[in-house]
Structures are given as structure tokens and as C-alpha cells.
Full PDB file with SEQRES, HELIX, SHEET, SSBOND, CRYST1, ORIGX, SCALE, CONECT and MASTER records, all heavy atoms in Angstrom:
SEQRES   1 A   35  THR ILE THR GLY VAL SER GLN TRP PRO TYR ARG ALA VAL          
SEQRES   2 A   35  ALA ARG ALA LEU GLU VAL ILE PRO ARG THR LEU ILE GLN          
SEQRES   3 A   35  ASN CYS GLY ALA ASN PRO ILE ARG THR                          
HELIX    1 AA1 GLN A    7  ALA A   16  1                                  10    
HELIX    2 AA2 VAL A   19  ASN A   27  1                                   9    
CRYST1    1.000    1.000    1.000  90.00  90.00  90.00 P 1           1          
ORIGX1      1.000000  0.000000  0.000000        0.00000                         
ORIGX2      0.000000  1.000000  0.000000        0.00000                         
ORIGX3      0.000000  0.000000  1.000000        0.00000                         
SCALE1      1.000000  0.000000  0.000000        0.00000                         
SCALE2      0.000000  1.000000  0.000000        0.00000                         
SCALE3      0.000000  0.000000  1.000000        0.00000                         
ATOM      1  N   THR A   1      -1.997  17.804  -0.340  1.00  0.00           N  
ATOM      2  CA  THR A   1      -2.622  19.067   0.091  1.00  0.00           C  
ATOM      3  C   THR A   1      -2.550  19.238   1.606  1.00  0.00           C  
ATOM      4  O   THR A   1      -2.905  20.289   2.131  1.00  0.00           O  
ATOM      5  CB  THR A   1      -4.103  19.109  -0.334  1.00  0.00           C  
ATOM      6  OG1 THR A   1      -4.787  18.031   0.326  1.00  0.00           O  
ATOM      7  CG2 THR A   1      -4.251  18.953  -1.835  1.00  0.00           C  
ATOM      8  N   ILE A   2      -2.122  18.194   2.326  1.00  0.00           N  
ATOM      9  CA  ILE A   2      -2.088  18.266   3.792  1.00  0.00           C  
ATOM     10  C   ILE A   2      -0.719  18.787   4.228  1.00  0.00           C  
ATOM     11  O   ILE A   2       0.313  18.307   3.751  1.00  0.00           O  
ATOM     12  CB  ILE A   2      -2.360  16.882   4.420  1.00  0.00           C  
ATOM     13  CG1 ILE A   2      -3.785  16.442   4.067  1.00  0.00           C  
ATOM     14  CG2 ILE A   2      -2.186  16.913   5.936  1.00  0.00           C  
ATOM     15  CD1 ILE A   2      -4.108  15.035   4.466  1.00  0.00           C  
ATOM     16  N   THR A   3      -0.750  19.751   5.115  1.00  0.00           N  
ATOM     17  CA  THR A   3       0.534  20.272   5.623  1.00  0.00           C  
ATOM     18  C   THR A   3       0.762  19.760   7.028  1.00  0.00           C  
ATOM     19  O   THR A   3      -0.164  19.297   7.683  1.00  0.00           O  
ATOM     20  CB  THR A   3       0.508  21.818   5.642  1.00  0.00           C  
ATOM     21  OG1 THR A   3      -0.644  22.222   6.370  1.00  0.00           O  
ATOM     22  CG2 THR A   3       0.477  22.372   4.232  1.00  0.00           C  
ATOM     23  N   GLY A   4       1.976  19.862   7.476  1.00  0.00           N  
ATOM     24  CA  GLY A   4       2.266  19.444   8.850  1.00  0.00           C  
ATOM     25  C   GLY A   4       2.642  17.983   8.923  1.00  0.00           C  
ATOM     26  O   GLY A   4       2.692  17.274   7.920  1.00  0.00           O  
ATOM     27  N   VAL A   5       2.901  17.557  10.147  1.00  0.00           N  
ATOM     28  CA  VAL A   5       3.456  16.223  10.369  1.00  0.00           C  
ATOM     29  C   VAL A   5       2.430  15.110  10.094  1.00  0.00           C  
ATOM     30  O   VAL A   5       2.789  13.978   9.818  1.00  0.00           O  
ATOM     31  CB  VAL A   5       4.044  16.142  11.805  1.00  0.00           C  
ATOM     32  CG1 VAL A   5       2.950  15.999  12.842  1.00  0.00           C  
ATOM     33  CG2 VAL A   5       5.038  15.007  11.915  1.00  0.00           C  
ATOM     34  N   SER A   6       1.117  15.449  10.154  1.00  0.00           N  
ATOM     35  CA  SER A   6       0.106  14.386  10.015  1.00  0.00           C  
ATOM     36  C   SER A   6      -0.020  13.862   8.587  1.00  0.00           C  
ATOM     37  O   SER A   6      -0.733  12.894   8.351  1.00  0.00           O  
ATOM     38  CB  SER A   6      -1.254  14.877  10.506  1.00  0.00           C  
ATOM     39  OG  SER A   6      -1.683  15.960   9.727  1.00  0.00           O  
ATOM     40  N   GLN A   7       0.675  14.534   7.616  1.00  0.00           N  
ATOM     41  CA  GLN A   7       0.570  14.013   6.251  1.00  0.00           C  
ATOM     42  C   GLN A   7       1.241  12.645   6.118  1.00  0.00           C  
ATOM     43  O   GLN A   7       0.859  11.845   5.261  1.00  0.00           O  
ATOM     44  CB  GLN A   7       1.178  14.987   5.248  1.00  0.00           C  
ATOM     45  CG  GLN A   7       2.670  15.203   5.417  1.00  0.00           C  
ATOM     46  CD  GLN A   7       3.252  16.011   4.284  1.00  0.00           C  
ATOM     47  OE1 GLN A   7       3.127  15.622   3.131  1.00  0.00           O  
ATOM     48  NE2 GLN A   7       3.874  17.138   4.607  1.00  0.00           N  
ATOM     49  N   TRP A   8       2.221  12.348   6.995  1.00  0.00           N  
ATOM     50  CA  TRP A   8       2.931  11.065   6.856  1.00  0.00           C  
ATOM     51  C   TRP A   8       2.055   9.873   7.261  1.00  0.00           C  
ATOM     52  O   TRP A   8       1.977   8.899   6.499  1.00  0.00           O  
ATOM     53  CB  TRP A   8       4.260  11.106   7.631  1.00  0.00           C  
ATOM     54  CG  TRP A   8       5.114  12.247   7.176  1.00  0.00           C  
ATOM     55  CD1 TRP A   8       5.427  13.374   7.876  1.00  0.00           C  
ATOM     56  CD2 TRP A   8       5.693  12.426   5.876  1.00  0.00           C  
ATOM     57  NE1 TRP A   8       6.177  14.241   7.114  1.00  0.00           N  
ATOM     58  CE2 TRP A   8       6.357  13.681   5.868  1.00  0.00           C  
ATOM     59  CE3 TRP A   8       5.710  11.647   4.716  1.00  0.00           C  
ATOM     60  CZ2 TRP A   8       7.039  14.173   4.767  1.00  0.00           C  
ATOM     61  CZ3 TRP A   8       6.392  12.132   3.608  1.00  0.00           C  
ATOM     62  CH2 TRP A   8       7.034  13.374   3.640  1.00  0.00           C  
ATOM     63  N   PRO A   9       1.398   9.927   8.437  1.00  0.00           N  
ATOM     64  CA  PRO A   9       0.484   8.816   8.734  1.00  0.00           C  
ATOM     65  C   PRO A   9      -0.635   8.706   7.683  1.00  0.00           C  
ATOM     66  O   PRO A   9      -1.071   7.613   7.345  1.00  0.00           O  
ATOM     67  CB  PRO A   9      -0.104   9.184  10.102  1.00  0.00           C  
ATOM     68  CG  PRO A   9       0.825  10.163  10.691  1.00  0.00           C  
ATOM     69  CD  PRO A   9       1.504  10.855   9.569  1.00  0.00           C  
ATOM     70  N   TYR A  10      -1.084   9.853   7.156  1.00  0.00           N  
ATOM     71  CA  TYR A  10      -2.138   9.858   6.136  1.00  0.00           C  
ATOM     72  C   TYR A  10      -1.664   9.094   4.894  1.00  0.00           C  
ATOM     73  O   TYR A  10      -2.387   8.270   4.336  1.00  0.00           O  
ATOM     74  CB  TYR A  10      -2.470  11.319   5.781  1.00  0.00           C  
ATOM     75  CG  TYR A  10      -3.704  11.500   4.942  1.00  0.00           C  
ATOM     76  CD1 TYR A  10      -4.930  11.792   5.523  1.00  0.00           C  
ATOM     77  CD2 TYR A  10      -3.660  11.395   3.552  1.00  0.00           C  
ATOM     78  CE1 TYR A  10      -6.066  11.985   4.755  1.00  0.00           C  
ATOM     79  CE2 TYR A  10      -4.784  11.573   2.778  1.00  0.00           C  
ATOM     80  CZ  TYR A  10      -5.986  11.874   3.380  1.00  0.00           C  
ATOM     81  OH  TYR A  10      -7.119  12.048   2.620  1.00  0.00           O  
ATOM     82  N   ARG A  11      -0.407   9.371   4.495  1.00  0.00           N  
ATOM     83  CA  ARG A  11       0.173   8.652   3.350  1.00  0.00           C  
ATOM     84  C   ARG A  11       0.310   7.155   3.652  1.00  0.00           C  
ATOM     85  O   ARG A  11       0.136   6.318   2.766  1.00  0.00           O  
ATOM     86  CB  ARG A  11       1.570   9.199   3.063  1.00  0.00           C  
ATOM     87  CG  ARG A  11       1.549  10.407   2.181  1.00  0.00           C  
ATOM     88  CD  ARG A  11       2.672  10.363   1.148  1.00  0.00           C  
ATOM     89  NE  ARG A  11       2.433  11.440   0.190  1.00  0.00           N  
ATOM     90  CZ  ARG A  11       3.059  12.610   0.242  1.00  0.00           C  
ATOM     91  NH1 ARG A  11       3.961  12.837   1.159  1.00  0.00           N  
ATOM     92  NH2 ARG A  11       2.782  13.535  -0.642  1.00  0.00           N  
ATOM     93  N   ALA A  12       0.653   6.877   4.914  1.00  0.00           N  
ATOM     94  CA  ALA A  12       0.852   5.472   5.307  1.00  0.00           C  
ATOM     95  C   ALA A  12      -0.444   4.684   5.154  1.00  0.00           C  
ATOM     96  O   ALA A  12      -0.430   3.506   4.782  1.00  0.00           O  
ATOM     97  CB  ALA A  12       1.350   5.402   6.746  1.00  0.00           C  
ATOM     98  N   VAL A  13      -1.597   5.323   5.432  1.00  0.00           N  
ATOM     99  CA  VAL A  13      -2.895   4.652   5.269  1.00  0.00           C  
ATOM    100  C   VAL A  13      -3.085   4.292   3.797  1.00  0.00           C  
ATOM    101  O   VAL A  13      -3.517   3.187   3.457  1.00  0.00           O  
ATOM    102  CB  VAL A  13      -4.058   5.552   5.765  1.00  0.00           C  
ATOM    103  CG1 VAL A  13      -5.400   4.965   5.389  1.00  0.00           C  
ATOM    104  CG2 VAL A  13      -3.969   5.738   7.271  1.00  0.00           C  
ATOM    105  N   ALA A  14      -2.747   5.236   2.920  1.00  0.00           N  
ATOM    106  CA  ALA A  14      -2.865   4.977   1.480  1.00  0.00           C  
ATOM    107  C   ALA A  14      -1.990   3.791   1.078  1.00  0.00           C  
ATOM    108  O   ALA A  14      -2.406   2.924   0.307  1.00  0.00           O  
ATOM    109  CB  ALA A  14      -2.454   6.225   0.701  1.00  0.00           C  
ATOM    110  N   ARG A  15      -0.791   3.732   1.666  1.00  0.00           N  
ATOM    111  CA  ARG A  15       0.119   2.625   1.334  1.00  0.00           C  
ATOM    112  C   ARG A  15      -0.413   1.300   1.902  1.00  0.00           C  
ATOM    113  O   ARG A  15      -0.292   0.255   1.272  1.00  0.00           O  
ATOM    114  CB  ARG A  15       1.519   2.940   1.906  1.00  0.00           C  
ATOM    115  CG  ARG A  15       2.610   2.088   1.288  1.00  0.00           C  
ATOM    116  CD  ARG A  15       4.002   2.551   1.660  1.00  0.00           C  
ATOM    117  NE  ARG A  15       4.278   2.407   3.094  1.00  0.00           N  
ATOM    118  CZ  ARG A  15       4.453   3.434   3.932  1.00  0.00           C  
ATOM    119  NH1 ARG A  15       4.391   4.669   3.491  1.00  0.00           N  
ATOM    120  NH2 ARG A  15       4.677   3.240   5.211  1.00  0.00           N  
ATOM    121  N   ALA A  16      -1.016   1.384   3.093  1.00  0.00           N  
ATOM    122  CA  ALA A  16      -1.519   0.164   3.751  1.00  0.00           C  
ATOM    123  C   ALA A  16      -2.663  -0.459   2.950  1.00  0.00           C  
ATOM    124  O   ALA A  16      -2.847  -1.675   2.974  1.00  0.00           O  
ATOM    125  CB  ALA A  16      -1.997   0.484   5.163  1.00  0.00           C  
ATOM    126  N   LEU A  17      -3.443   0.362   2.237  1.00  0.00           N  
ATOM    127  CA  LEU A  17      -4.566  -0.173   1.455  1.00  0.00           C  
ATOM    128  C   LEU A  17      -4.088  -1.137   0.369  1.00  0.00           C  
ATOM    129  O   LEU A  17      -4.837  -2.015  -0.066  1.00  0.00           O  
ATOM    130  CB  LEU A  17      -5.344   0.979   0.798  1.00  0.00           C  
ATOM    131  CG  LEU A  17      -6.259   1.777   1.720  1.00  0.00           C  
ATOM    132  CD1 LEU A  17      -6.755   3.013   1.022  1.00  0.00           C  
ATOM    133  CD2 LEU A  17      -7.433   0.943   2.191  1.00  0.00           C  
ATOM    134  N   GLU A  18      -2.832  -0.980  -0.044  1.00  0.00           N  
ATOM    135  CA  GLU A  18      -2.312  -1.842  -1.112  1.00  0.00           C  
ATOM    136  C   GLU A  18      -2.096  -3.280  -0.649  1.00  0.00           C  
ATOM    137  O   GLU A  18      -1.762  -4.148  -1.449  1.00  0.00           O  
ATOM    138  CB  GLU A  18      -0.990  -1.270  -1.651  1.00  0.00           C  
ATOM    139  CG  GLU A  18      -1.172   0.055  -2.377  1.00  0.00           C  
ATOM    140  CD  GLU A  18       0.146   0.620  -2.908  1.00  0.00           C  
ATOM    141  OE1 GLU A  18       1.187  -0.034  -2.717  1.00  0.00           O  
ATOM    142  OE2 GLU A  18       0.117   1.710  -3.493  1.00  0.00           O  
ATOM    143  N   VAL A  19      -2.287  -3.523   0.643  1.00  0.00           N  
ATOM    144  CA  VAL A  19      -2.051  -4.880   1.163  1.00  0.00           C  
ATOM    145  C   VAL A  19      -3.036  -5.884   0.542  1.00  0.00           C  
ATOM    146  O   VAL A  19      -2.700  -7.048   0.348  1.00  0.00           O  
ATOM    147  CB  VAL A  19      -2.137  -4.922   2.715  1.00  0.00           C  
ATOM    148  CG1 VAL A  19      -3.556  -4.732   3.220  1.00  0.00           C  
ATOM    149  CG2 VAL A  19      -1.599  -6.241   3.244  1.00  0.00           C  
ATOM    150  N   ILE A  20      -4.242  -5.428   0.196  1.00  0.00           N  
ATOM    151  CA  ILE A  20      -5.242  -6.368  -0.350  1.00  0.00           C  
ATOM    152  C   ILE A  20      -4.806  -6.858  -1.741  1.00  0.00           C  
ATOM    153  O   ILE A  20      -4.670  -8.069  -1.939  1.00  0.00           O  
ATOM    154  CB  ILE A  20      -6.649  -5.727  -0.379  1.00  0.00           C  
ATOM    155  CG1 ILE A  20      -7.094  -5.357   1.036  1.00  0.00           C  
ATOM    156  CG2 ILE A  20      -7.664  -6.635  -1.073  1.00  0.00           C  
ATOM    157  CD1 ILE A  20      -7.483  -6.503   1.937  1.00  0.00           C  
ATOM    158  N   PRO A  21      -4.529  -5.933  -2.730  1.00  0.00           N  
ATOM    159  CA  PRO A  21      -4.041  -6.469  -4.013  1.00  0.00           C  
ATOM    160  C   PRO A  21      -2.730  -7.238  -3.865  1.00  0.00           C  
ATOM    161  O   PRO A  21      -2.525  -8.259  -4.519  1.00  0.00           O  
ATOM    162  CB  PRO A  21      -3.853  -5.223  -4.888  1.00  0.00           C  
ATOM    163  CG  PRO A  21      -4.021  -4.044  -4.007  1.00  0.00           C  
ATOM    164  CD  PRO A  21      -4.758  -4.475  -2.803  1.00  0.00           C  
ATOM    165  N   ARG A  22      -1.842  -6.778  -2.945  1.00  0.00           N  
ATOM    166  CA  ARG A  22      -0.549  -7.470  -2.776  1.00  0.00           C  
ATOM    167  C   ARG A  22      -0.764  -8.908  -2.288  1.00  0.00           C  
ATOM    168  O   ARG A  22      -0.125  -9.840  -2.783  1.00  0.00           O  
ATOM    169  CB  ARG A  22       0.324  -6.686  -1.787  1.00  0.00           C  
ATOM    170  CG  ARG A  22       1.730  -7.286  -1.689  1.00  0.00           C  
ATOM    171  CD  ARG A  22       2.707  -6.378  -0.987  1.00  0.00           C  
ATOM    172  NE  ARG A  22       2.435  -6.281   0.446  1.00  0.00           N  
ATOM    173  CZ  ARG A  22       2.136  -5.149   1.070  1.00  0.00           C  
ATOM    174  NH1 ARG A  22       2.067  -4.011   0.395  1.00  0.00           N  
ATOM    175  NH2 ARG A  22       1.892  -5.126   2.364  1.00  0.00           N  
ATOM    176  N   THR A  23      -1.670  -9.072  -1.326  1.00  0.00           N  
ATOM    177  CA  THR A  23      -1.929 -10.419  -0.794  1.00  0.00           C  
ATOM    178  C   THR A  23      -2.540 -11.311  -1.870  1.00  0.00           C  
ATOM    179  O   THR A  23      -2.217 -12.492  -1.966  1.00  0.00           O  
ATOM    180  CB  THR A  23      -2.874 -10.327   0.423  1.00  0.00           C  
ATOM    181  OG1 THR A  23      -2.327  -9.399   1.353  1.00  0.00           O  
ATOM    182  CG2 THR A  23      -3.041 -11.661   1.108  1.00  0.00           C  
ATOM    183  N   LEU A  24      -3.445 -10.738  -2.686  1.00  0.00           N  
ATOM    184  CA  LEU A  24      -4.042 -11.521  -3.784  1.00  0.00           C  
ATOM    185  C   LEU A  24      -2.958 -12.013  -4.738  1.00  0.00           C  
ATOM    186  O   LEU A  24      -2.983 -13.159  -5.187  1.00  0.00           O  
ATOM    187  CB  LEU A  24      -5.036 -10.654  -4.560  1.00  0.00           C  
ATOM    188  CG  LEU A  24      -6.428 -10.462  -3.943  1.00  0.00           C  
ATOM    189  CD1 LEU A  24      -7.214  -9.430  -4.725  1.00  0.00           C  
ATOM    190  CD2 LEU A  24      -7.193 -11.775  -3.921  1.00  0.00           C  
ATOM    191  N   ILE A  25      -1.979 -11.137  -5.031  1.00  0.00           N  
ATOM    192  CA  ILE A  25      -0.888 -11.513  -5.953  1.00  0.00           C  
ATOM    193  C   ILE A  25      -0.047 -12.625  -5.311  1.00  0.00           C  
ATOM    194  O   ILE A  25       0.276 -13.635  -5.951  1.00  0.00           O  
ATOM    195  CB  ILE A  25       0.012 -10.293  -6.270  1.00  0.00           C  
ATOM    196  CG1 ILE A  25      -0.796  -9.191  -6.962  1.00  0.00           C  
ATOM    197  CG2 ILE A  25       1.171 -10.699  -7.170  1.00  0.00           C  
ATOM    198  CD1 ILE A  25      -0.112  -7.822  -6.972  1.00  0.00           C  
ATOM    199  N   GLN A  26       0.272 -12.454  -4.021  1.00  0.00           N  
ATOM    200  CA  GLN A  26       1.114 -13.454  -3.330  1.00  0.00           C  
ATOM    201  C   GLN A  26       0.424 -14.820  -3.278  1.00  0.00           C  
ATOM    202  O   GLN A  26       1.065 -15.852  -3.474  1.00  0.00           O  
ATOM    203  CB  GLN A  26       1.412 -12.990  -1.905  1.00  0.00           C  
ATOM    204  CG  GLN A  26       2.492 -11.912  -1.846  1.00  0.00           C  
ATOM    205  CD  GLN A  26       2.553 -11.236  -0.489  1.00  0.00           C  
ATOM    206  OE1 GLN A  26       1.646 -11.364   0.319  1.00  0.00           O  
ATOM    207  NE2 GLN A  26       3.619 -10.487  -0.249  1.00  0.00           N  
ATOM    208  N   ASN A  27      -0.902 -14.817  -3.026  1.00  0.00           N  
ATOM    209  CA  ASN A  27      -1.609 -16.084  -2.833  1.00  0.00           C  
ATOM    210  C   ASN A  27      -1.707 -16.900  -4.115  1.00  0.00           C  
ATOM    211  O   ASN A  27      -1.954 -18.099  -4.062  1.00  0.00           O  
ATOM    212  CB  ASN A  27      -3.006 -15.849  -2.259  1.00  0.00           C  
ATOM    213  CG  ASN A  27      -2.944 -15.530  -0.776  1.00  0.00           C  
ATOM    214  OD1 ASN A  27      -1.875 -15.572  -0.182  1.00  0.00           O  
ATOM    215  ND2 ASN A  27      -4.064 -15.203  -0.181  1.00  0.00           N  
ATOM    216  N   CYS A  28      -1.565 -16.241  -5.282  1.00  0.00           N  
ATOM    217  CA  CYS A  28      -1.610 -17.059  -6.504  1.00  0.00           C  
ATOM    218  C   CYS A  28      -0.211 -17.223  -7.109  1.00  0.00           C  
ATOM    219  O   CYS A  28      -0.066 -17.657  -8.251  1.00  0.00           O  
ATOM    220  CB  CYS A  28      -2.615 -16.507  -7.503  1.00  0.00           C  
ATOM    221  SG  CYS A  28      -2.237 -14.881  -8.056  1.00  0.00           S  
ATOM    222  N   GLY A  29       0.812 -16.839  -6.340  1.00  0.00           N  
ATOM    223  CA  GLY A  29       2.187 -17.168  -6.726  1.00  0.00           C  
ATOM    224  C   GLY A  29       2.808 -16.278  -7.780  1.00  0.00           C  
ATOM    225  O   GLY A  29       3.799 -16.654  -8.398  1.00  0.00           O  
ATOM    226  N   ALA A  30       2.233 -15.073  -8.003  1.00  0.00           N  
ATOM    227  CA  ALA A  30       2.831 -14.160  -9.001  1.00  0.00           C  
ATOM    228  C   ALA A  30       3.899 -13.291  -8.328  1.00  0.00           C  
ATOM    229  O   ALA A  30       4.126 -13.392  -7.118  1.00  0.00           O  
ATOM    230  CB  ALA A  30       1.748 -13.298  -9.623  1.00  0.00           C  
ATOM    231  N   ASN A  31       4.529 -12.408  -9.107  1.00  0.00           N  
ATOM    232  CA  ASN A  31       5.572 -11.537  -8.576  1.00  0.00           C  
ATOM    233  C   ASN A  31       4.933 -10.259  -8.012  1.00  0.00           C  
ATOM    234  O   ASN A  31       4.433  -9.425  -8.780  1.00  0.00           O  
ATOM    235  CB  ASN A  31       6.547 -11.191  -9.710  1.00  0.00           C  
ATOM    236  CG  ASN A  31       7.690 -10.324  -9.217  1.00  0.00           C  
ATOM    237  OD1 ASN A  31       7.568  -9.602  -8.225  1.00  0.00           O  
ATOM    238  ND2 ASN A  31       8.815 -10.402  -9.908  1.00  0.00           N  
ATOM    239  N   PRO A  32       4.926 -10.079  -6.659  1.00  0.00           N  
ATOM    240  CA  PRO A  32       4.189  -8.956  -6.067  1.00  0.00           C  
ATOM    241  C   PRO A  32       4.729  -7.595  -6.492  1.00  0.00           C  
ATOM    242  O   PRO A  32       3.951  -6.702  -6.821  1.00  0.00           O  
ATOM    243  CB  PRO A  32       4.355  -9.143  -4.559  1.00  0.00           C  
ATOM    244  CG  PRO A  32       4.877 -10.505  -4.374  1.00  0.00           C  
ATOM    245  CD  PRO A  32       5.552 -10.915  -5.632  1.00  0.00           C  
ATOM    246  N   ILE A  33       6.059  -7.428  -6.521  1.00  0.00           N  
ATOM    247  CA  ILE A  33       6.636  -6.089  -6.775  1.00  0.00           C  
ATOM    248  C   ILE A  33       6.310  -5.630  -8.191  1.00  0.00           C  
ATOM    249  O   ILE A  33       5.791  -4.543  -8.415  1.00  0.00           O  
ATOM    250  CB  ILE A  33       8.162  -6.093  -6.525  1.00  0.00           C  
ATOM    251  CG1 ILE A  33       8.422  -6.409  -5.055  1.00  0.00           C  
ATOM    252  CG2 ILE A  33       8.774  -4.757  -6.903  1.00  0.00           C  
ATOM    253  CD1 ILE A  33       9.833  -6.739  -4.706  1.00  0.00           C  
ATOM    254  N   ARG A  34       6.567  -6.512  -9.160  1.00  0.00           N  
ATOM    255  CA  ARG A  34       6.366  -6.137 -10.563  1.00  0.00           C  
ATOM    256  C   ARG A  34       4.876  -5.870 -10.837  1.00  0.00           C  
ATOM    257  O   ARG A  34       4.512  -4.868 -11.460  1.00  0.00           O  
ATOM    258  CB  ARG A  34       6.887  -7.268 -11.456  1.00  0.00           C  
ATOM    259  CG  ARG A  34       6.973  -6.871 -12.929  1.00  0.00           C  
ATOM    260  CD  ARG A  34       7.637  -7.955 -13.743  1.00  0.00           C  
ATOM    261  NE  ARG A  34       9.034  -8.172 -13.333  1.00  0.00           N  
ATOM    262  CZ  ARG A  34       9.695  -9.302 -13.540  1.00  0.00           C  
ATOM    263  NH1 ARG A  34       9.101 -10.312 -14.120  1.00  0.00           N  
ATOM    264  NH2 ARG A  34      10.947  -9.430 -13.149  1.00  0.00           N  
ATOM    265  N   THR A  35       4.023  -6.776 -10.382  1.00  0.00           N  
ATOM    266  CA  THR A  35       2.581  -6.654 -10.666  1.00  0.00           C  
ATOM    267  C   THR A  35       1.999  -5.415 -10.001  1.00  0.00           C  
ATOM    268  O   THR A  35       1.193  -4.698 -10.589  1.00  0.00           O  
ATOM    269  CB  THR A  35       1.831  -7.915 -10.171  1.00  0.00           C  
ATOM    270  OG1 THR A  35       2.586  -9.074 -10.507  1.00  0.00           O  
ATOM    271  CG2 THR A  35       0.460  -8.023 -10.783  1.00  0.00           C  
TER     272      THR A  35                                                      
MASTER        0    0    0    2    0    0    0    6  271    1    0    3          
END                                                                             
């Protein structure tokens, strides 16, 4: 719903939040991409 150039950094924040589940997957040795 956001127009203009600021939608990209906004999307990047959403993507950055995934670092927590990704790190949890990595720390127990599972496959990060698939999971």
C-alpha cells in the first residue's frame, strides 16, 4: 500500500525480521532455505 521509493526499505525491514527464525534453524543444524 506504500507508494514511492520508501517502500523498498520498508520491505527490507520485513525481510530483516526473518533473521530470528533463520538463526534458530541454523543453530540446530537444519536446512535454513527449505525450512
